[in-house]
Protein backbone atom coordinates (compact mmCIF):
# COMPACT_ATOMS: atom_id res chain seq x y z
CA MET A 1 -0.22 -0.11 -0.09
CA ASP A 2 1.29 3.62 -0.94
CA GLU A 3 1.51 6.21 1.89
CA ASN A 4 -1.28 8.08 0.18
CA SER A 5 -3.44 5.16 0.80
CA PHE A 6 -2.16 4.82 4.03
CA VAL A 7 -3.29 8.26 5.12
CA GLU A 8 -6.52 7.55 3.58
CA ASN A 9 -7.42 4.60 4.93
CA ILE A 10 -6.48 6.25 8.51
CA LYS A 11 -8.85 8.78 8.17
CA LYS A 12 -11.87 6.48 6.91
CA ASP A 13 -10.98 4.18 10.03
CA GLU A 14 -10.14 6.11 12.51
CA LYS A 15 -13.00 4.37 15.09
CA VAL A 16 -11.32 0.92 13.72
CA ILE A 17 -8.54 -0.13 15.67
CA LYS A 18 -6.67 -2.76 14.05
CA LYS A 19 -3.70 -4.57 15.88
CA SER A 20 -1.34 -2.65 13.85
CA THR A 21 -3.15 0.52 15.16
CA PHE A 22 -3.41 -0.88 18.50
CA ASN A 23 0.17 -1.11 18.95
CA SER A 24 0.59 2.72 17.82
CA LEU A 25 -1.83 3.68 20.22
CA ILE A 26 0.07 1.94 23.05
CA ILE A 27 3.25 3.65 21.40
CA GLY A 28 1.07 7.27 21.36
CA ILE A 29 -0.13 6.92 24.81
CA ILE A 30 3.55 6.25 26.26
CA ILE A 31 4.70 9.32 24.30
CA ILE A 32 1.72 11.49 25.26
CA THR A 33 1.94 10.55 28.75
CA GLY A 34 6.17 11.40 29.26
CA ILE A 35 5.59 14.49 27.19
CA ALA A 36 2.94 15.81 29.35
CA ALA A 37 4.50 14.46 32.54
CA PHE A 38 7.75 16.27 31.67
CA PHE A 39 6.30 19.69 30.64
CA ALA A 40 3.84 19.35 33.31
CA GLY A 41 5.47 17.92 36.13
CA SER A 42 3.44 16.92 39.24
CA PHE A 43 0.36 18.29 37.63
CA VAL A 44 -0.45 15.40 35.20
CA SER A 45 0.38 12.73 37.94
CA ASN A 46 -2.84 13.57 39.60
CA LEU A 47 -4.72 12.82 36.21
CA ASN A 48 -6.63 9.62 35.68
CA SER A 49 -5.37 8.11 32.51
CA GLU A 50 -8.15 6.08 32.02
CA GLN A 51 -10.61 8.94 32.14
CA VAL A 52 -8.87 11.17 30.12
CA SER A 53 -8.87 11.33 26.42
CA GLN A 54 -5.59 11.94 24.32
CA LYS A 55 -7.33 15.35 23.15
CA GLU A 56 -7.53 16.19 26.87
CA PHE A 57 -3.88 15.69 27.31
CA GLU A 58 -2.86 17.69 24.34
CA ASN A 59 -5.12 20.77 25.66
CA ALA A 60 -3.41 19.95 29.14
CA ILE A 61 0.00 20.15 27.16
CA ALA A 62 -0.80 23.06 25.18
CA GLU A 63 -2.03 25.44 28.09
CA LEU A 64 0.99 24.56 30.16
CA GLU A 65 3.26 25.16 27.39
CA LEU A 66 2.05 28.61 26.75
CA LYS A 67 2.24 29.30 30.37
CA MET A 68 5.96 28.21 30.60
CA LEU A 69 6.43 30.19 27.51
CA GLU A 70 4.83 33.26 28.81
CA LYS A 71 6.77 32.90 32.14
CA GLN A 72 10.22 32.25 30.50
CA LEU A 73 10.28 34.58 27.54
CA PRO A 74 12.62 37.63 28.35
CA THR A 75 11.14 40.54 30.34
CA SER A 76 14.15 42.85 29.93
CA GLN A 77 15.91 43.66 26.40
CA PRO A 78 18.40 40.73 25.30
CA ASN A 79 21.95 40.67 25.50
CA PRO A 80 22.82 42.11 22.02
CA SER A 81 25.71 39.16 21.64
CA PRO A 82 24.33 36.23 23.52
CA LYS A 83 26.80 33.13 24.07
CA ILE A 84 25.54 30.62 21.30
CA SER A 85 25.88 27.17 21.99
CA ALA A 86 25.65 24.16 19.72
CA ASP A 87 25.03 21.81 22.17
CA ASP A 88 25.79 18.15 21.05
CA ASP A 89 23.05 18.31 18.51
CA PRO A 90 22.85 16.75 15.14
CA VAL A 91 24.91 18.28 12.68
CA ILE A 92 24.65 18.12 9.03
CA GLY A 93 28.06 18.73 6.97
CA ASN A 94 31.60 18.83 8.23
CA PRO A 95 31.78 19.00 11.94
CA ASP A 96 35.13 21.21 11.49
CA ALA A 97 33.70 23.41 8.79
CA PRO A 98 34.51 27.39 9.87
CA ILE A 99 31.44 28.53 10.08
CA THR A 100 28.11 27.22 11.72
CA ILE A 101 24.56 27.48 11.11
CA ILE A 102 22.83 27.13 14.57
CA GLU A 103 18.91 26.48 13.57
CA PHE A 104 16.32 26.25 15.97
CA SER A 105 13.59 24.71 14.46
CA ASP A 106 10.21 22.83 14.71
CA PHE A 107 9.20 19.49 12.31
CA GLN A 108 5.35 21.13 12.25
CA CYS A 109 6.09 24.77 11.26
CA PRO A 110 5.31 25.15 7.70
CA PHE A 111 8.02 27.87 7.59
CA CYS A 112 10.51 25.40 8.75
CA ALA A 113 9.62 23.34 5.53
CA LYS A 114 9.82 26.26 3.27
CA PHE A 115 13.24 27.07 4.74
CA HIS A 116 14.39 23.02 4.39
CA ILE A 117 13.13 22.49 1.08
CA GLN A 118 13.45 25.64 -1.13
CA THR A 119 16.49 27.40 0.63
CA LEU A 120 18.79 24.79 2.48
CA PRO A 121 19.80 23.06 -0.92
CA ALA A 122 21.24 25.78 -2.16
CA ILE A 123 23.03 26.23 0.86
CA MET A 124 24.07 22.69 0.79
CA ASP A 125 25.48 23.26 -2.79
CA GLU A 126 27.25 26.76 -1.91
CA TYR A 127 28.68 25.70 1.28
CA ILE A 128 27.92 22.52 3.53
CA GLU A 129 29.24 20.17 0.64
CA LYS A 130 32.22 22.35 0.14
CA GLY A 131 33.01 21.88 3.89
CA THR A 132 32.78 25.62 4.77
CA VAL A 133 29.40 25.46 6.62
CA LYS A 134 27.88 23.25 8.76
CA LEU A 135 24.11 23.38 10.32
CA VAL A 136 23.29 22.30 13.50
CA PHE A 137 19.68 21.59 14.08
CA ARG A 138 18.34 22.49 17.58
CA ASP A 139 14.87 21.87 18.51
CA PHE A 140 12.15 24.21 19.14
CA PRO A 141 8.81 22.56 19.44
CA ILE A 142 5.84 25.14 19.86
CA GLN A 143 3.81 22.37 21.51
CA SER A 144 0.58 24.45 22.15
CA ILE A 145 -0.11 24.83 18.28
CA HIS A 146 1.72 22.01 16.82
CA PRO A 147 1.03 19.05 18.94
CA ASN A 148 3.21 16.58 16.62
CA ALA A 149 6.22 18.84 16.66
CA VAL A 150 7.49 16.81 19.89
CA PRO A 151 7.11 13.20 18.73
CA ALA A 152 8.81 14.23 15.36
CA SER A 153 11.47 15.79 17.14
CA VAL A 154 11.95 12.45 19.18
CA ALA A 155 11.66 10.40 15.77
CA ALA A 156 14.71 12.40 14.53
CA GLU A 157 16.65 12.23 17.52
CA CYS A 158 16.12 8.65 17.56
CA ALA A 159 17.18 8.21 13.61
CA ASN A 160 20.08 10.28 14.66
CA GLU A 161 21.31 7.35 16.96
CA GLN A 162 21.61 5.18 13.68
CA GLY A 163 23.63 7.93 11.66
CA LYS A 164 20.55 9.05 9.74
CA PHE A 165 19.54 12.11 11.35
CA LYS A 166 19.59 14.31 7.82
CA GLU A 167 17.49 11.39 6.02
CA MET A 168 14.80 11.68 8.77
CA HIS A 169 14.95 15.51 8.69
CA ASP A 170 14.30 15.63 5.31
CA ILE A 171 11.37 13.08 4.76
CA LEU A 172 9.50 14.64 7.65
CA PHE A 173 9.89 18.19 6.12
CA GLU A 174 9.10 16.84 2.47
CA LYS A 175 6.19 14.88 3.78
CA GLN A 176 5.04 17.28 6.40
CA ASN A 177 1.38 17.57 4.97
CA GLN A 178 0.94 14.10 5.32
CA TRP A 179 1.30 13.75 9.22
CA SER A 180 1.01 17.19 10.41
CA ASN A 181 -2.76 17.13 10.96
CA LEU A 182 -3.14 13.87 11.77
CA GLU A 183 -4.18 12.71 15.59
CA THR A 184 -0.69 11.55 17.20
CA ILE A 185 -0.62 8.06 17.19
CA TYR A 186 -1.15 7.83 13.47
CA ALA A 187 1.61 10.59 13.17
CA ILE A 188 3.86 8.30 15.25
CA GLU A 189 2.88 5.23 12.99
CA LEU A 190 4.03 7.06 9.71
CA PHE A 191 7.25 8.00 11.93
CA ASN A 192 7.90 4.20 11.82
CA GLN A 193 7.38 3.80 8.47
CA TYR A 194 9.46 6.36 7.56
CA SER A 195 12.30 4.97 9.19
CA SER A 196 11.47 1.66 7.59
CA GLU A 197 11.97 3.67 4.30
CA ILE A 198 15.46 5.05 5.03
CA GLN A 199 16.17 1.49 6.43
CA LEU A 200 16.74 2.24 10.34
CA GLU A 201 16.70 -0.84 12.59
CA GLN A 202 13.30 -1.29 13.52
CA GLU A 203 13.25 -2.29 16.80
CA GLN A 204 15.94 0.13 18.04
CA PHE A 205 14.05 2.90 16.18
CA SER A 206 10.66 2.11 17.88
CA SER A 207 12.09 1.32 21.45
CA CYS A 208 13.61 4.81 21.26
CA LEU A 209 10.56 6.44 19.94
CA SER A 210 7.84 4.81 22.08
CA THR A 211 9.83 5.61 25.35
CA ALA A 212 10.29 9.19 24.18
CA LYS A 213 13.83 8.65 25.03
CA TYR A 214 15.18 12.25 24.04
CA VAL A 215 12.67 14.41 25.28
CA LYS A 216 14.52 16.00 28.02
CA GLU A 217 17.30 17.08 25.38
CA ILE A 218 14.45 18.57 23.33
CA GLN A 219 13.44 20.68 26.30
CA ASN A 220 17.31 21.34 26.74
CA ASP A 221 17.28 23.18 23.44
CA LEU A 222 14.03 24.91 23.76
CA ASN A 223 15.12 26.35 27.10
CA ASP A 224 18.31 27.50 25.18
CA GLY A 225 16.36 28.74 22.66
CA ARG A 226 14.15 30.96 25.00
CA THR A 227 17.39 32.33 26.62
CA TYR A 228 19.06 33.70 23.13
CA GLY A 229 15.43 35.22 22.40
CA ILE A 230 13.85 32.67 20.26
CA SER A 231 10.17 33.67 19.66
CA GLY A 232 9.31 32.05 16.50
CA THR A 233 10.54 29.53 14.51
CA PRO A 234 13.22 29.04 12.12
CA GLY A 235 15.55 30.96 13.95
CA PHE A 236 19.28 31.11 12.96
CA PHE A 237 22.51 32.23 14.67
CA ILE A 238 25.33 32.27 12.14
CA GLY A 239 28.93 32.43 12.70
CA ASN A 240 31.27 30.43 15.10
CA GLU A 241 32.87 31.50 18.62
CA GLN A 242 35.75 33.38 17.55
CA ILE A 243 33.77 36.09 15.56
CA GLY A 244 30.55 36.02 17.33
CA PHE A 245 27.06 34.92 15.94
CA THR A 246 24.76 37.19 13.57
CA GLU A 247 21.06 36.25 14.27
CA LEU A 248 18.60 35.92 11.27
CA LYS A 249 14.83 35.33 11.88
CA GLY A 250 12.30 33.38 9.52
CA ALA A 251 12.53 31.34 6.45
CA GLN A 252 14.67 34.19 4.64
CA PRO A 253 15.93 33.29 0.98
CA PHE A 254 19.18 32.39 0.19
CA GLU A 255 20.79 35.45 -0.88
CA SER A 256 19.83 36.44 2.97
CA PHE A 257 22.32 34.01 4.28
CA LYS A 258 24.61 33.99 1.49
CA LYS A 259 25.39 37.85 2.39
CA ILE A 260 25.97 36.86 6.00
CA ILE A 261 28.32 34.00 5.54
CA ASP A 262 30.41 35.42 2.49
CA LYS A 263 31.52 38.36 4.84
CA GLN A 264 32.13 35.60 7.68
CA LEU A 265 34.57 34.01 5.49
CA GLY A 266 36.04 36.80 3.94
CA ASN A 267 34.60 36.46 0.47
């Protein structure tokens, strides 16, 4: 069955839980509960999981995430030259490239998909494949409006475990319209299908995804992004520790990146 038929059948038969869907339901509950517990802390521990629907979980997560965002956004003028960290996040390109693009991104964000489909290929051709620039991908999922963003970030991190971050990163953005508006359990089922398409070891990937293994790492990225003044996605910092970083906001065209990078490279 092709992917389009797969998605159509999901939408038509959402009320019919087959064996494969039941397995995904279990995975979805584990991830949703893990994310909720992580973002909401003790509040979620007081909920009766047998009585609370997935939608109620998502609403609770969204409400708490919005409150966290309101509390953690800087109230004063941010440092104009913050020390930007790449942390230990996935790298696309030569790890020793002199210039780094640190991106804070949300896999469910349409503007992030626009950048990765329309602008990144030119950056790849002009700089990354020549070894002069590398891209560090840091997660900034806006859970309040993108309920599938955190599971997608976990899927990408799980693929990174097997050395295939870029492959999963690419397929998540290229096929964003397939999974973006699905119920989370069905989006997760597609993520497992994508992992098979890029030839990941299935047992390792499924275990990583079902336990939401990297949710704390994702939260760390989110916290760092807020510290740096990120308020929307995508957001970029271009440069290195020696020369500092230049901030670029939004899905900018290639020319905006080229102007900054060429100046930093002395071209």
